[in-house]
PDB file of N, CA and C in Angstrom:
ATOM      1  N   MET A   1     -25.937   1.382   5.386  1.00  0.00           N
ATOM      2  CA  MET A   1     -26.301   2.697   4.880  1.00  0.00           C
ATOM      3  C   MET A   1     -27.160   2.447   3.612  1.00  0.00           C
ATOM      4  N   VAL A   2     -27.990   3.493   3.261  1.00  0.00           N
ATOM      5  CA  VAL A   2     -28.722   3.611   2.100  1.00  0.00           C
ATOM      6  C   VAL A   2     -28.173   4.240   0.946  1.00  0.00           C
ATOM      7  N   ILE A   3     -26.967   4.661   1.169  1.00  0.00           N
ATOM      8  CA  ILE A   3     -26.275   5.464   0.138  1.00  0.00           C
ATOM      9  C   ILE A   3     -25.996   4.435  -1.100  1.00  0.00           C
ATOM     10  N   TRP A   4     -25.618   3.227  -0.935  1.00  0.00           N
ATOM     11  CA  TRP A   4     -25.262   2.381  -2.029  1.00  0.00           C
ATOM     12  C   TRP A   4     -26.640   2.262  -2.903  1.00  0.00           C
ATOM     13  N   ILE A   5     -27.777   2.210  -2.392  1.00  0.00           N
ATOM     14  CA  ILE A   5     -28.945   2.177  -3.072  1.00  0.00           C
ATOM     15  C   ILE A   5     -29.220   3.318  -4.044  1.00  0.00           C
ATOM     16  N   LYS A   6     -28.926   4.438  -3.469  1.00  0.00           N
ATOM     17  CA  LYS A   6     -28.901   5.667  -4.070  1.00  0.00           C
ATOM     18  C   LYS A   6     -28.024   5.733  -5.239  1.00  0.00           C
ATOM     19  N   ILE A   7     -26.835   5.319  -5.088  1.00  0.00           N
ATOM     20  CA  ILE A   7     -25.758   5.295  -5.972  1.00  0.00           C
ATOM     21  C   ILE A   7     -26.160   4.289  -7.205  1.00  0.00           C
ATOM     22  N   THR A   8     -26.652   3.145  -6.829  1.00  0.00           N
ATOM     23  CA  THR A   8     -27.002   2.145  -7.795  1.00  0.00           C
ATOM     24  C   THR A   8     -28.273   2.705  -8.551  1.00  0.00           C
ATOM     25  N   HIS A   9     -29.055   3.369  -7.996  1.00  0.00           N
ATOM     26  CA  HIS A   9     -30.088   4.025  -8.810  1.00  0.00           C
ATOM     27  C   HIS A   9     -29.690   4.850  -9.734  1.00  0.00           C
ATOM     28  N   TYR A  10     -29.048   5.813  -9.203  1.00  0.00           N
ATOM     29  CA  TYR A  10     -28.436   6.877 -10.213  1.00  0.00           C
ATOM     30  C   TYR A  10     -27.715   6.321 -11.310  1.00  0.00           C
ATOM     31  N   ARG A  11     -26.882   5.320 -10.977  1.00  0.00           N
ATOM     32  CA  ARG A  11     -26.155   4.604 -12.049  1.00  0.00           C
ATOM     33  C   ARG A  11     -27.037   4.058 -13.148  1.00  0.00           C
ATOM     34  N   LEU A  12     -28.073   3.359 -12.806  1.00  0.00           N
ATOM     35  CA  LEU A  12     -28.900   2.719 -13.508  1.00  0.00           C
ATOM     36  C   LEU A  12     -29.642   3.968 -14.472  1.00  0.00           C
ATOM     37  N   VAL A  13     -30.055   4.940 -13.830  1.00  0.00           N
ATOM     38  CA  VAL A  13     -30.497   5.978 -14.645  1.00  0.00           C
ATOM     39  C   VAL A  13     -29.726   6.535 -15.642  1.00  0.00           C
ATOM     40  N   PHE A  14     -28.523   6.891 -15.210  1.00  0.00           N
ATOM     41  CA  PHE A  14     -27.489   7.446 -16.172  1.00  0.00           C
ATOM     42  C   PHE A  14     -27.274   6.557 -17.363  1.00  0.00           C
ATOM     43  N   THR A  15     -27.096   5.215 -16.937  1.00  0.00           N
ATOM     44  CA  THR A  15     -26.982   4.255 -18.111  1.00  0.00           C
ATOM     45  C   THR A  15     -28.023   4.122 -18.826  1.00  0.00           C
ATOM     46  N   ASP A  16     -29.357   4.268 -18.434  1.00  0.00           N
ATOM     47  CA  ASP A  16     -30.637   4.204 -19.169  1.00  0.00           C
ATOM     48  C   ASP A  16     -30.642   5.303 -20.110  1.00  0.00           C
ATOM     49  N   ASN A  17     -29.996   6.677 -19.578  1.00  0.00           N
ATOM     50  CA  ASN A  17     -29.969   7.845 -20.380  1.00  0.00           C
ATOM     51  C   ASN A  17     -29.064   7.795 -21.328  1.00  0.00           C
ATOM     52  N   GLY A  18     -28.054   6.882 -21.468  1.00  0.00           N
ATOM     53  CA  GLY A  18     -27.031   6.547 -22.670  1.00  0.00           C
ATOM     54  C   GLY A  18     -25.836   7.393 -22.030  1.00  0.00           C
ATOM     55  N   LEU A  19     -25.505   7.559 -20.944  1.00  0.00           N
ATOM     56  CA  LEU A  19     -24.364   8.199 -20.448  1.00  0.00           C
ATOM     57  C   LEU A  19     -23.410   7.167 -19.988  1.00  0.00           C
TER      58      LEU A  19
END
């Protein structure tokens, strides 16, 4: 499944945002 990639991408974006 490609869901893990989406989750990782979202997590990276959130972390980069400062959340």
